[in-house]
Amino acid sequence: MRATNVMPESRYQFIKDFPWDRNIIYHEAGVPPLHTKVSYLASLPEEIQKRITVYHISKKDMPKDSKLTLATFGIENTLYPKITPPKHLEAYKLLEILSQIDIFSGFPIEKAKEFLQIVREEKFKRGDLIFKKGTQGDKFFIIASGNVRFEGLGHDHNNVKRYGTYEYFGEASLILDSVRQADVFAETDVIALTIEKNRFLQFIRGSKLAENLSKLNTIRETNTWKTLTESKSFRTLTSYQVTQLELVLKLEKITKETKLIQENHTFQFGYIIRSGTVVVTKNNHTIRELGAGDFVGEIYSLTKKLPATHSFIAWPDAELYTLAQEDATNYIKKNPGVYMKLNTVYN
């Protein structure tokens, strides 16, 4: 199956290197090729069979002489395995949080050690004011658990933004040496990891992180949050997914009528409209007009490097966020659910 490309490389490697040495293995059985035949599982060495619990199969179909265990249903049959906590549990938890945040990915071990030395844990009760708009920034925050709410962003006092676990905030005023741009409240009980300003600036100095945070703050000044959260294509994104997307967007202003994507040609960029209009055409006939928040392009063709089936023409004075082909592909891999939202069929 691998040789004929029916099975992708990742699936082949997973099956080839299946961790049969684990103490507990749950395995679905049933009719092939969608499922594994229970007779095959019963042919495995007895020591492996003893560790396998089989589900999606009736009791009458279980091989009589096997060492397999048939899964039993109901809350009362929940399995609670004994877990051995990792050594240095506190450091493990902190590094686990660090590893969940995109902007810290690929950090060298020296930076991880520094992080352990400078980070502090703070707790906030639901409704607590974490910091006030107009005050000087003094800390960087990472949400270890809970949700926070931003109020009074920009000039729109009704503008509200929410962040959840594994997201971060407070970096802009530290990097720009400016005041806080919003009131931030604990919307639930919150556990936050904080780094004091001077230590944070030292921590990011000379790293890719400093560049990423600067880029993020620049794009956020264009109000990407409003564009994405009010878009029919992107409004279901979590705030974490929005941040991931913001990191790879660039703003472009169109001064004259421009063919962004040409029918029957490959293309290197997709777009999200900040303002203005983009017309979708096929065989020189207008199919649809796209407006603020709409995705411009064909996500399948973009990520697969295939020719477009339609043309996309921007009218003068449009403002577009550009999304490069490689960035789009990587983003979809991390967020496959977004793909379906962007896979528009133009009639």
C-alpha atoms as a PDB file:
ATOM      1  CA  MET A   1       0.000   0.000   0.000  1.00  0.00           C
ATOM      2  CA  ARG A   2       2.879   2.358   0.746  1.00  0.00           C
ATOM      3  CA  ALA A   3       4.606   1.478  -2.540  1.00  0.00           C
ATOM      4  CA  THR A   4       1.497   2.401  -4.526  1.00  0.00           C
ATOM      5  CA  ASN A   5       0.937   5.652  -2.522  1.00  0.00           C
ATOM      6  CA  VAL A   6      -2.365   4.407  -1.112  1.00  0.00           C
ATOM      7  CA  MET A   7      -0.903   4.831   2.365  1.00  0.00           C
ATOM      8  CA  PRO A   8       0.885   8.111   3.221  1.00  0.00           C
ATOM      9  CA  GLU A   9       4.386   8.015   4.692  1.00  0.00           C
ATOM     10  CA  SER A  10       3.241   9.274   8.102  1.00  0.00           C
ATOM     11  CA  ARG A  11       0.667   6.464   8.460  1.00  0.00           C
ATOM     12  CA  TYR A  12       3.206   3.885   7.291  1.00  0.00           C
ATOM     13  CA  GLN A  13       5.734   5.011   9.909  1.00  0.00           C
ATOM     14  CA  PHE A  14       3.079   5.003  12.646  1.00  0.00           C
ATOM     15  CA  ILE A  15       2.045   1.410  11.898  1.00  0.00           C
ATOM     16  CA  LYS A  16       5.631   0.248  11.372  1.00  0.00           C
ATOM     17  CA  ASP A  17       6.724   1.705  14.717  1.00  0.00           C
ATOM     18  CA  PHE A  18       3.547   0.965  16.685  1.00  0.00           C
ATOM     19  CA  PRO A  19       4.386   1.009  20.421  1.00  0.00           C
ATOM     20  CA  TRP A  20       3.446  -2.580  21.300  1.00  0.00           C
ATOM     21  CA  ASP A  21       5.556  -2.285  24.451  1.00  0.00           C
ATOM     22  CA  ARG A  22       2.967  -0.026  26.172  1.00  0.00           C
ATOM     23  CA  ASN A  23       1.206  -1.366  29.271  1.00  0.00           C
ATOM     24  CA  ILE A  24      -2.298  -0.539  27.979  1.00  0.00           C
ATOM     25  CA  ILE A  25      -3.332  -0.724  24.317  1.00  0.00           C
ATOM     26  CA  TYR A  26      -6.860  -0.036  23.066  1.00  0.00           C
ATOM     27  CA  HIS A  27      -7.388  -1.425  19.573  1.00  0.00           C
ATOM     28  CA  GLU A  28     -10.463  -1.300  17.333  1.00  0.00           C
ATOM     29  CA  ALA A  29     -11.413  -4.561  15.614  1.00  0.00           C
ATOM     30  CA  GLY A  30     -13.867  -5.352  12.859  1.00  0.00           C
ATOM     31  CA  VAL A  31     -14.212  -5.896   9.130  1.00  0.00           C
ATOM     32  CA  PRO A  32     -11.120  -5.034   7.055  1.00  0.00           C
ATOM     33  CA  PRO A  33      -9.825  -2.922   5.408  1.00  0.00           C
ATOM     34  CA  LEU A  34     -11.262  -0.170   7.637  1.00  0.00           C
ATOM     35  CA  HIS A  35     -10.638  -2.230  10.780  1.00  0.00           C
ATOM     36  CA  THR A  36      -8.198  -4.851  11.989  1.00  0.00           C
ATOM     37  CA  LYS A  37      -9.451  -8.439  11.994  1.00  0.00           C
ATOM     38  CA  VAL A  38      -9.678  -9.699  15.555  1.00  0.00           C
ATOM     39  CA  SER A  39      -8.102 -12.978  14.409  1.00  0.00           C
ATOM     40  CA  TYR A  40      -4.948 -11.023  13.574  1.00  0.00           C
ATOM     41  CA  LEU A  41      -4.844  -9.446  17.035  1.00  0.00           C
ATOM     42  CA  ALA A  42      -5.332 -12.920  18.507  1.00  0.00           C
ATOM     43  CA  SER A  43      -2.285 -14.127  16.546  1.00  0.00           C
ATOM     44  CA  LEU A  44       0.062 -11.682  18.281  1.00  0.00           C
ATOM     45  CA  PRO A  45       2.383 -12.951  21.025  1.00  0.00           C
ATOM     46  CA  GLU A  46       0.493 -13.656  24.252  1.00  0.00           C
ATOM     47  CA  GLU A  47       2.417 -10.999  26.208  1.00  0.00           C
ATOM     48  CA  ILE A  48       1.171  -8.358  23.750  1.00  0.00           C
ATOM     49  CA  GLN A  49      -2.385  -9.752  23.724  1.00  0.00           C
ATOM     50  CA  LYS A  50      -2.557  -9.377  27.516  1.00  0.00           C
ATOM     51  CA  ARG A  51      -2.047  -5.648  27.115  1.00  0.00           C
ATOM     52  CA  ILE A  52      -4.717  -5.176  24.404  1.00  0.00           C
ATOM     53  CA  THR A  53      -8.316  -4.166  25.086  1.00  0.00           C
ATOM     54  CA  VAL A  54     -10.476  -4.673  21.994  1.00  0.00           C
ATOM     55  CA  TYR A  55     -13.531  -2.560  21.160  1.00  0.00           C
ATOM     56  CA  HIS A  56     -16.049  -2.215  18.290  1.00  0.00           C
ATOM     57  CA  ILE A  57     -16.686  -5.941  18.365  1.00  0.00           C
ATOM     58  CA  SER A  58     -19.318  -8.144  20.034  1.00  0.00           C
ATOM     59  CA  LYS A  59     -18.567 -10.750  22.677  1.00  0.00           C
ATOM     60  CA  LYS A  60     -19.616 -13.622  20.387  1.00  0.00           C
ATOM     61  CA  ASP A  61     -16.904 -12.638  17.855  1.00  0.00           C
ATOM     62  CA  MET A  62     -14.077 -12.703  20.391  1.00  0.00           C
ATOM     63  CA  PRO A  63     -11.662 -15.621  19.852  1.00  0.00           C
ATOM     64  CA  LYS A  64     -12.189 -18.077  22.702  1.00  0.00           C
ATOM     65  CA  ASP A  65      -8.568 -18.947  23.471  1.00  0.00           C
ATOM     66  CA  SER A  66      -7.028 -15.494  23.090  1.00  0.00           C
ATOM     67  CA  LYS A  67      -5.564 -13.360  25.873  1.00  0.00           C
ATOM     68  CA  LEU A  68      -7.320 -10.268  24.524  1.00  0.00           C
ATOM     69  CA  THR A  69      -9.687  -8.283  26.759  1.00  0.00           C
ATOM     70  CA  LEU A  70     -13.061  -7.127  25.449  1.00  0.00           C
ATOM     71  CA  ALA A  71     -13.885  -3.517  26.327  1.00  0.00           C
ATOM     72  CA  THR A  72     -16.864  -3.080  28.647  1.00  0.00           C
ATOM     73  CA  PHE A  73     -19.026   0.012  28.461  1.00  0.00           C
ATOM     74  CA  GLY A  74     -20.325   2.329  31.160  1.00  0.00           C
ATOM     75  CA  ILE A  75     -18.829   4.903  33.481  1.00  0.00           C
ATOM     76  CA  GLU A  76     -18.445   2.262  36.178  1.00  0.00           C
ATOM     77  CA  ASN A  77     -15.953   0.449  33.918  1.00  0.00           C
ATOM     78  CA  THR A  78     -13.670   3.459  33.427  1.00  0.00           C
ATOM     79  CA  LEU A  79     -10.026   2.448  33.605  1.00  0.00           C
ATOM     80  CA  TYR A  80      -7.802   4.491  35.922  1.00  0.00           C
ATOM     81  CA  PRO A  81      -4.195   3.484  35.240  1.00  0.00           C
ATOM     82  CA  LYS A  82      -1.496   4.217  37.770  1.00  0.00           C
ATOM     83  CA  ILE A  83       0.562   7.159  36.551  1.00  0.00           C
ATOM     84  CA  THR A  84       4.145   7.686  37.618  1.00  0.00           C
ATOM     85  CA  PRO A  85       4.762  11.444  37.759  1.00  0.00           C
ATOM     86  CA  PRO A  86       7.850  12.577  35.857  1.00  0.00           C
ATOM     87  CA  LYS A  87      10.885  13.597  37.837  1.00  0.00           C
ATOM     88  CA  HIS A  88      11.201  17.346  38.440  1.00  0.00           C
ATOM     89  CA  LEU A  89       7.441  17.691  37.989  1.00  0.00           C
ATOM     90  CA  GLU A  90       7.301  21.481  38.416  1.00  0.00           C
ATOM     91  CA  ALA A  91       9.941  22.083  35.734  1.00  0.00           C
ATOM     92  CA  TYR A  92       8.190  19.562  33.498  1.00  0.00           C
ATOM     93  CA  LYS A  93       4.875  21.431  33.779  1.00  0.00           C
ATOM     94  CA  LEU A  94       6.483  24.794  32.985  1.00  0.00           C
ATOM     95  CA  LEU A  95       8.326  23.441  29.959  1.00  0.00           C
ATOM     96  CA  GLU A  96       5.139  21.722  28.762  1.00  0.00           C
ATOM     97  CA  ILE A  97       3.381  25.098  28.749  1.00  0.00           C
ATOM     98  CA  LEU A  98       6.336  26.697  26.955  1.00  0.00           C
ATOM     99  CA  SER A  99       6.237  23.982  24.281  1.00  0.00           C
ATOM    100  CA  GLN A 100       2.541  24.688  23.547  1.00  0.00           C
ATOM    101  CA  ILE A 101       3.223  28.269  22.434  1.00  0.00           C
ATOM    102  CA  ASP A 102       4.197  28.751  18.790  1.00  0.00           C
ATOM    103  CA  ILE A 103       6.465  31.736  19.280  1.00  0.00           C
ATOM    104  CA  PHE A 104       8.680  29.700  21.633  1.00  0.00           C
ATOM    105  CA  SER A 105       9.003  26.683  19.323  1.00  0.00           C
ATOM    106  CA  GLY A 106      12.582  25.684  18.574  1.00  0.00           C
ATOM    107  CA  PHE A 107      14.012  27.519  21.574  1.00  0.00           C
ATOM    108  CA  PRO A 108      17.453  26.126  22.541  1.00  0.00           C
ATOM    109  CA  ILE A 109      17.906  24.348  25.883  1.00  0.00           C
ATOM    110  CA  GLU A 110      19.792  27.358  27.268  1.00  0.00           C
ATOM    111  CA  LYS A 111      16.696  29.518  26.784  1.00  0.00           C
ATOM    112  CA  ALA A 112      14.510  26.869  28.387  1.00  0.00           C
ATOM    113  CA  LYS A 113      16.783  26.877  31.441  1.00  0.00           C
ATOM    114  CA  GLU A 114      16.593  30.667  31.573  1.00  0.00           C
ATOM    115  CA  PHE A 115      12.793  30.507  31.349  1.00  0.00           C
ATOM    116  CA  LEU A 116      12.659  28.247  34.423  1.00  0.00           C
ATOM    117  CA  GLN A 117      14.726  30.760  36.373  1.00  0.00           C
ATOM    118  CA  ILE A 118      12.751  33.906  35.549  1.00  0.00           C
ATOM    119  CA  VAL A 119       9.101  32.759  35.350  1.00  0.00           C
ATOM    120  CA  ARG A 120       6.734  33.194  38.297  1.00  0.00           C
ATOM    121  CA  GLU A 121       3.226  31.861  38.937  1.00  0.00           C
ATOM    122  CA  GLU A 122       0.363  34.224  39.798  1.00  0.00           C
ATOM    123  CA  LYS A 123      -3.275  33.429  40.540  1.00  0.00           C
ATOM    124  CA  PHE A 124      -6.307  35.611  39.845  1.00  0.00           C
ATOM    125  CA  LYS A 125      -9.889  35.119  40.952  1.00  0.00           C
ATOM    126  CA  ARG A 126     -12.784  35.447  38.519  1.00  0.00           C
ATOM    127  CA  GLY A 127     -13.503  39.148  37.987  1.00  0.00           C
ATOM    128  CA  ASP A 128     -10.075  40.359  39.155  1.00  0.00           C
ATOM    129  CA  LEU A 129      -8.513  43.251  37.225  1.00  0.00           C
ATOM    130  CA  ILE A 130      -5.164  41.935  36.003  1.00  0.00           C
ATOM    131  CA  PHE A 131      -4.017  45.304  34.684  1.00  0.00           C
ATOM    132  CA  LYS A 132      -5.617  48.627  33.781  1.00  0.00           C
ATOM    133  CA  LYS A 133      -5.621  50.494  30.486  1.00  0.00           C
ATOM    134  CA  GLY A 134      -3.199  53.427  30.462  1.00  0.00           C
ATOM    135  CA  THR A 135      -0.825  51.987  33.075  1.00  0.00           C
ATOM    136  CA  GLN A 136       2.826  51.242  32.343  1.00  0.00           C
ATOM    137  CA  GLY A 137       3.555  47.655  31.348  1.00  0.00           C
ATOM    138  CA  ASP A 138       5.619  45.751  33.891  1.00  0.00           C
ATOM    139  CA  LYS A 139       5.043  42.037  33.124  1.00  0.00           C
ATOM    140  CA  PHE A 140       4.566  39.504  30.357  1.00  0.00           C
ATOM    141  CA  PHE A 141       1.760  36.969  30.915  1.00  0.00           C
ATOM    142  CA  ILE A 142       1.228  33.367  29.776  1.00  0.00           C
ATOM    143  CA  ILE A 143      -2.115  31.765  30.654  1.00  0.00           C
ATOM    144  CA  ALA A 144      -1.464  28.371  32.265  1.00  0.00           C
ATOM    145  CA  SER A 145      -5.198  27.840  32.835  1.00  0.00           C
ATOM    146  CA  GLY A 146      -8.388  29.877  32.588  1.00  0.00           C
ATOM    147  CA  ASN A 147      -9.617  32.746  30.401  1.00  0.00           C
ATOM    148  CA  VAL A 148      -9.024  36.490  30.374  1.00  0.00           C
ATOM    149  CA  ARG A 149     -11.075  39.299  28.819  1.00  0.00           C
ATOM    150  CA  PHE A 150      -9.770  42.482  27.195  1.00  0.00           C
ATOM    151  CA  GLU A 151     -12.031  45.543  27.307  1.00  0.00           C
ATOM    152  CA  GLY A 152     -11.734  49.015  25.766  1.00  0.00           C
ATOM    153  CA  LEU A 153      -9.315  48.104  22.990  1.00  0.00           C
ATOM    154  CA  GLY A 154      -8.485  51.084  20.796  1.00  0.00           C
ATOM    155  CA  HIS A 155     -11.185  53.732  20.517  1.00  0.00           C
ATOM    156  CA  ASP A 156     -14.082  51.273  20.572  1.00  0.00           C
ATOM    157  CA  HIS A 157     -15.078  50.803  24.203  1.00  0.00           C
ATOM    158  CA  ASN A 158     -17.410  47.950  23.207  1.00  0.00           C
ATOM    159  CA  ASN A 159     -14.555  46.004  21.604  1.00  0.00           C
ATOM    160  CA  VAL A 160     -13.965  42.838  23.667  1.00  0.00           C
ATOM    161  CA  LYS A 161     -11.324  40.155  23.095  1.00  0.00           C
ATOM    162  CA  ARG A 162     -10.825  36.881  24.991  1.00  0.00           C
ATOM    163  CA  TYR A 163      -7.757  34.701  25.451  1.00  0.00           C
ATOM    164  CA  GLY A 164      -7.526  31.188  26.885  1.00  0.00           C
ATOM    165  CA  THR A 165      -5.064  28.576  28.061  1.00  0.00           C
ATOM    166  CA  TYR A 166      -1.580  28.626  26.445  1.00  0.00           C
ATOM    167  CA  GLU A 167      -2.031  32.152  25.102  1.00  0.00           C
ATOM    168  CA  TYR A 168       0.038  35.135  26.094  1.00  0.00           C
ATOM    169  CA  PHE A 169      -0.475  38.863  26.455  1.00  0.00           C
ATOM    170  CA  GLY A 170       1.105  42.051  27.736  1.00  0.00           C
ATOM    171  CA  GLU A 171       4.140  41.917  25.461  1.00  0.00           C
ATOM    172  CA  ALA A 172       3.309  44.998  23.345  1.00  0.00           C
ATOM    173  CA  SER A 173       3.746  47.599  26.076  1.00  0.00           C
ATOM    174  CA  LEU A 174       7.024  45.972  27.146  1.00  0.00           C
ATOM    175  CA  ILE A 175       8.538  45.901  23.656  1.00  0.00           C
ATOM    176  CA  LEU A 176       7.259  49.359  22.674  1.00  0.00           C
ATOM    177  CA  ASP A 177       7.816  50.821  26.171  1.00  0.00           C
ATOM    178  CA  SER A 178       4.253  52.137  26.093  1.00  0.00           C
ATOM    179  CA  VAL A 179       1.179  51.993  28.304  1.00  0.00           C
ATOM    180  CA  ARG A 180      -1.355  49.163  28.359  1.00  0.00           C
ATOM    181  CA  GLN A 181      -3.935  49.416  25.568  1.00  0.00           C
ATOM    182  CA  ALA A 182      -6.848  47.681  27.343  1.00  0.00           C
ATOM    183  CA  ASP A 183      -8.274  46.682  30.698  1.00  0.00           C
ATOM    184  CA  VAL A 184      -7.684  42.957  31.246  1.00  0.00           C
ATOM    185  CA  PHE A 185      -9.903  40.954  33.595  1.00  0.00           C
ATOM    186  CA  ALA A 186      -9.867  37.334  34.744  1.00  0.00           C
ATOM    187  CA  GLU A 187     -13.021  35.919  33.163  1.00  0.00           C
ATOM    188  CA  THR A 188     -12.547  32.694  35.143  1.00  0.00           C
ATOM    189  CA  ASP A 189     -10.123  31.771  37.880  1.00  0.00           C
ATOM    190  CA  VAL A 190      -6.746  32.164  36.168  1.00  0.00           C
ATOM    191  CA  ILE A 191      -3.282  30.777  36.763  1.00  0.00           C
ATOM    192  CA  ALA A 192      -0.731  32.856  34.868  1.00  0.00           C
ATOM    193  CA  LEU A 193       2.992  32.553  34.376  1.00  0.00           C
ATOM    194  CA  THR A 194       4.567  36.003  34.499  1.00  0.00           C
ATOM    195  CA  ILE A 195       7.973  37.411  33.621  1.00  0.00           C
ATOM    196  CA  GLU A 196       9.049  40.826  34.903  1.00  0.00           C
ATOM    197  CA  LYS A 197       9.721  43.428  32.168  1.00  0.00           C
ATOM    198  CA  ASN A 198      13.514  43.704  32.293  1.00  0.00           C
ATOM    199  CA  ARG A 199      13.974  39.949  32.484  1.00  0.00           C
ATOM    200  CA  PHE A 200      11.531  39.434  29.615  1.00  0.00           C
ATOM    201  CA  LEU A 201      13.361  41.914  27.364  1.00  0.00           C
ATOM    202  CA  GLN A 202      16.662  40.226  28.197  1.00  0.00           C
ATOM    203  CA  PHE A 203      15.091  36.826  27.519  1.00  0.00           C
ATOM    204  CA  ILE A 204      13.974  37.702  23.977  1.00  0.00           C
ATOM    205  CA  ARG A 205      16.958  39.884  23.012  1.00  0.00           C
ATOM    206  CA  GLY A 206      18.685  38.692  19.852  1.00  0.00           C
ATOM    207  CA  SER A 207      16.227  35.838  19.305  1.00  0.00           C
ATOM    208  CA  LYS A 208      13.630  35.034  16.646  1.00  0.00           C
ATOM    209  CA  LEU A 209      11.061  35.638  19.373  1.00  0.00           C
ATOM    210  CA  ALA A 210      11.782  39.362  19.470  1.00  0.00           C
ATOM    211  CA  GLU A 211      11.271  39.549  15.705  1.00  0.00           C
ATOM    212  CA  ASN A 212       8.033  37.537  15.874  1.00  0.00           C
ATOM    213  CA  LEU A 213       6.563  39.651  18.666  1.00  0.00           C
ATOM    214  CA  SER A 214       7.447  42.859  16.843  1.00  0.00           C
ATOM    215  CA  LYS A 215       5.825  41.514  13.664  1.00  0.00           C
ATOM    216  CA  LEU A 216       2.764  40.424  15.629  1.00  0.00           C
ATOM    217  CA  ASN A 217       2.275  43.830  17.200  1.00  0.00           C
ATOM    218  CA  THR A 218       2.702  45.571  13.834  1.00  0.00           C
ATOM    219  CA  ILE A 219       0.007  43.461  12.169  1.00  0.00           C
ATOM    220  CA  ARG A 220      -2.321  43.793  15.172  1.00  0.00           C
ATOM    221  CA  GLU A 221      -2.202  47.564  14.823  1.00  0.00           C
ATOM    222  CA  THR A 222      -4.150  47.075  11.565  1.00  0.00           C
ATOM    223  CA  ASN A 223      -6.983  45.536  13.628  1.00  0.00           C
ATOM    224  CA  THR A 224      -6.601  41.986  12.347  1.00  0.00           C
ATOM    225  CA  TRP A 225      -8.628  40.766  15.318  1.00  0.00           C
ATOM    226  CA  LYS A 226     -11.755  42.620  14.141  1.00  0.00           C
ATOM    227  CA  THR A 227     -11.322  41.474  10.531  1.00  0.00           C
ATOM    228  CA  LEU A 228     -10.898  37.804  11.452  1.00  0.00           C
ATOM    229  CA  THR A 229     -13.470  37.517  14.239  1.00  0.00           C
ATOM    230  CA  GLU A 230     -16.172  39.182  12.127  1.00  0.00           C
ATOM    231  CA  SER A 231     -15.378  37.063   9.042  1.00  0.00           C
ATOM    232  CA  LYS A 232     -17.720  34.207   8.116  1.00  0.00           C
ATOM    233  CA  SER A 233     -14.632  32.159   7.211  1.00  0.00           C
ATOM    234  CA  PHE A 234     -12.585  32.847  10.351  1.00  0.00           C
ATOM    235  CA  ARG A 235     -14.977  33.881  13.120  1.00  0.00           C
ATOM    236  CA  THR A 236     -15.043  30.371  14.624  1.00  0.00           C
ATOM    237  CA  LEU A 237     -11.273  30.398  15.184  1.00  0.00           C
ATOM    238  CA  THR A 238     -10.043  30.278  18.746  1.00  0.00           C
ATOM    239  CA  SER A 239      -7.962  33.252  19.855  1.00  0.00           C
ATOM    240  CA  TYR A 240      -4.929  30.924  19.735  1.00  0.00           C
ATOM    241  CA  GLN A 241      -5.654  30.114  16.079  1.00  0.00           C
ATOM    242  CA  VAL A 242      -6.109  33.824  15.335  1.00  0.00           C
ATOM    243  CA  THR A 243      -2.683  34.550  16.830  1.00  0.00           C
ATOM    244  CA  GLN A 244      -1.107  31.769  14.740  1.00  0.00           C
ATOM    245  CA  LEU A 245      -2.604  33.323  11.624  1.00  0.00           C
ATOM    246  CA  GLU A 246      -1.631  36.873  12.544  1.00  0.00           C
ATOM    247  CA  LEU A 247       2.008  35.785  12.777  1.00  0.00           C
ATOM    248  CA  VAL A 248       2.118  34.956   9.037  1.00  0.00           C
ATOM    249  CA  LEU A 249      -0.016  37.760   7.567  1.00  0.00           C
ATOM    250  CA  LYS A 250       1.218  40.884   5.811  1.00  0.00           C
ATOM    251  CA  LEU A 251      -0.881  43.897   4.824  1.00  0.00           C
ATOM    252  CA  GLU A 252      -0.899  45.058   1.194  1.00  0.00           C
ATOM    253  CA  LYS A 253      -2.667  48.117  -0.241  1.00  0.00           C
ATOM    254  CA  ILE A 254      -3.956  47.972  -3.821  1.00  0.00           C
ATOM    255  CA  THR A 255      -3.754  51.285  -5.677  1.00  0.00           C
ATOM    256  CA  LYS A 256      -5.017  50.120  -9.068  1.00  0.00           C
ATOM    257  CA  GLU A 257      -7.074  47.274 -10.503  1.00  0.00           C
ATOM    258  CA  THR A 258      -4.931  44.175  -9.956  1.00  0.00           C
ATOM    259  CA  LYS A 259      -5.293  40.552 -11.010  1.00  0.00           C
ATOM    260  CA  LEU A 260      -4.216  38.772  -7.842  1.00  0.00           C
ATOM    261  CA  ILE A 261      -4.763  35.233  -9.132  1.00  0.00           C
ATOM    262  CA  GLN A 262      -5.115  34.225 -12.775  1.00  0.00           C
ATOM    263  CA  GLU A 263      -7.311  31.407 -14.008  1.00  0.00           C
ATOM    264  CA  ASN A 264      -5.346  28.330 -15.191  1.00  0.00           C
ATOM    265  CA  HIS A 265      -2.138  29.582 -13.553  1.00  0.00           C
ATOM    266  CA  THR A 266      -0.472  28.537 -10.307  1.00  0.00           C
ATOM    267  CA  PHE A 267      -0.260  31.207  -7.611  1.00  0.00           C
ATOM    268  CA  GLN A 268       1.892  31.890  -4.559  1.00  0.00           C
ATOM    269  CA  PHE A 269      -0.468  33.759  -2.234  1.00  0.00           C
ATOM    270  CA  GLY A 270      -3.938  33.644  -0.764  1.00  0.00           C
ATOM    271  CA  TYR A 271      -5.522  36.813   0.662  1.00  0.00           C
ATOM    272  CA  ILE A 272      -7.930  37.990   3.336  1.00  0.00           C
ATOM    273  CA  ILE A 273      -9.767  41.233   2.602  1.00  0.00           C
ATOM    274  CA  ARG A 274      -9.392  43.929   5.238  1.00  0.00           C
ATOM    275  CA  SER A 275     -11.371  46.462   3.216  1.00  0.00           C
ATOM    276  CA  GLY A 276     -12.536  46.919  -0.363  1.00  0.00           C
ATOM    277  CA  THR A 277     -13.682  44.467  -3.017  1.00  0.00           C
ATOM    278  CA  VAL A 278     -12.263  41.515  -4.939  1.00  0.00           C
ATOM    279  CA  VAL A 279     -14.143  40.134  -7.955  1.00  0.00           C
ATOM    280  CA  VAL A 280     -14.142  36.416  -8.793  1.00  0.00           C
ATOM    281  CA  THR A 281     -14.329  35.679 -12.537  1.00  0.00           C
ATOM    282  CA  LYS A 282     -14.284  32.648 -14.834  1.00  0.00           C
ATOM    283  CA  ASN A 283     -13.894  32.855 -18.584  1.00  0.00           C
ATOM    284  CA  ASN A 284     -14.137  36.663 -18.183  1.00  0.00           C
ATOM    285  CA  HIS A 285     -17.569  36.409 -16.536  1.00  0.00           C
ATOM    286  CA  THR A 286     -18.110  37.752 -13.022  1.00  0.00           C
ATOM    287  CA  ILE A 287     -19.058  34.978 -10.610  1.00  0.00           C
ATOM    288  CA  ARG A 288     -19.026  36.754  -7.252  1.00  0.00           C
ATOM    289  CA  GLU A 289     -17.852  39.819  -5.348  1.00  0.00           C
ATOM    290  CA  LEU A 290     -15.910  39.318  -2.116  1.00  0.00           C
ATOM    291  CA  GLY A 291     -15.735  41.837   0.722  1.00  0.00           C
ATOM    292  CA  ALA A 292     -14.233  42.451   4.153  1.00  0.00           C
ATOM    293  CA  GLY A 293     -13.200  39.276   5.968  1.00  0.00           C
ATOM    294  CA  ASP A 294     -13.526  37.006   2.918  1.00  0.00           C
ATOM    295  CA  PHE A 295     -10.753  34.627   1.937  1.00  0.00           C
ATOM    296  CA  VAL A 296      -9.450  35.230  -1.594  1.00  0.00           C
ATOM    297  CA  GLY A 297      -8.143  32.226  -3.483  1.00  0.00           C
ATOM    298  CA  GLU A 298      -8.640  28.478  -3.724  1.00  0.00           C
ATOM    299  CA  ILE A 299      -7.115  26.836  -0.670  1.00  0.00           C
ATOM    300  CA  TYR A 300      -6.764  23.385  -2.241  1.00  0.00           C
ATOM    301  CA  SER A 301      -4.973  24.716  -5.318  1.00  0.00           C
ATOM    302  CA  LEU A 302      -2.797  27.008  -3.190  1.00  0.00           C
ATOM    303  CA  THR A 303      -1.584  24.317  -0.801  1.00  0.00           C
ATOM    304  CA  LYS A 304      -1.154  21.721  -3.586  1.00  0.00           C
ATOM    305  CA  LYS A 305       0.519  24.215  -5.971  1.00  0.00           C
ATOM    306  CA  LEU A 306      -2.110  23.618  -8.651  1.00  0.00           C
ATOM    307  CA  PRO A 307      -3.495  26.096 -11.230  1.00  0.00           C
ATOM    308  CA  ALA A 308      -6.443  28.228 -10.141  1.00  0.00           C
ATOM    309  CA  THR A 309      -9.849  27.531 -11.693  1.00  0.00           C
ATOM    310  CA  HIS A 310     -10.941  31.189 -11.312  1.00  0.00           C
ATOM    311  CA  SER A 311      -9.410  34.648 -11.545  1.00  0.00           C
ATOM    312  CA  PHE A 312      -9.476  37.064  -8.586  1.00  0.00           C
ATOM    313  CA  ILE A 313      -9.280  40.783  -9.361  1.00  0.00           C
ATOM    314  CA  ALA A 314      -8.856  43.466  -6.682  1.00  0.00           C
ATOM    315  CA  TRP A 315     -10.421  46.873  -7.153  1.00  0.00           C
ATOM    316  CA  PRO A 316      -8.429  50.014  -6.368  1.00  0.00           C
ATOM    317  CA  ASP A 317      -8.104  51.030  -2.691  1.00  0.00           C
ATOM    318  CA  ALA A 318      -8.592  47.487  -1.421  1.00  0.00           C
ATOM    319  CA  GLU A 319      -6.501  46.443   1.600  1.00  0.00           C
ATOM    320  CA  LEU A 320      -5.543  42.777   1.728  1.00  0.00           C
ATOM    321  CA  TYR A 321      -3.716  40.538   4.164  1.00  0.00           C
ATOM    322  CA  THR A 322      -1.426  38.251   2.170  1.00  0.00           C
ATOM    323  CA  LEU A 323      -0.866  34.612   3.120  1.00  0.00           C
ATOM    324  CA  ALA A 324       2.094  32.895   1.445  1.00  0.00           C
ATOM    325  CA  GLN A 325       1.713  29.370   0.053  1.00  0.00           C
ATOM    326  CA  GLU A 326       4.138  27.765   2.524  1.00  0.00           C
ATOM    327  CA  ASP A 327       2.593  29.576   5.485  1.00  0.00           C
ATOM    328  CA  ALA A 328      -0.904  28.567   4.361  1.00  0.00           C
ATOM    329  CA  THR A 329       0.135  24.920   4.064  1.00  0.00           C
ATOM    330  CA  ASN A 330       1.742  24.866   7.509  1.00  0.00           C
ATOM    331  CA  TYR A 331      -1.245  26.620   9.071  1.00  0.00           C
ATOM    332  CA  ILE A 332      -3.719  24.131   7.572  1.00  0.00           C
ATOM    333  CA  LYS A 333      -1.631  21.209   8.828  1.00  0.00           C
ATOM    334  CA  LYS A 334      -1.895  22.579  12.359  1.00  0.00           C
ATOM    335  CA  ASN A 335      -5.555  23.581  11.974  1.00  0.00           C
ATOM    336  CA  PRO A 336      -7.216  21.105   9.572  1.00  0.00           C
ATOM    337  CA  GLY A 337     -10.707  22.239  10.573  1.00  0.00           C
ATOM    338  CA  VAL A 338     -10.031  25.664   9.048  1.00  0.00           C
ATOM    339  CA  TYR A 339      -9.507  24.032   5.646  1.00  0.00           C
ATOM    340  CA  MET A 340     -13.209  23.234   5.258  1.00  0.00           C
ATOM    341  CA  LYS A 341     -14.144  26.853   6.018  1.00  0.00           C
ATOM    342  CA  LEU A 342     -11.820  28.123   3.284  1.00  0.00           C
ATOM    343  CA  ASN A 343     -12.632  25.483   0.668  1.00  0.00           C
ATOM    344  CA  THR A 344     -15.230  27.627  -1.117  1.00  0.00           C
ATOM    345  CA  VAL A 345     -16.909  26.433  -4.315  1.00  0.00           C
ATOM    346  CA  TYR A 346     -17.461  29.385  -6.653  1.00  0.00           C
ATOM    347  CA  ASN A 347     -20.492  28.933  -8.914  1.00  0.00           C
END
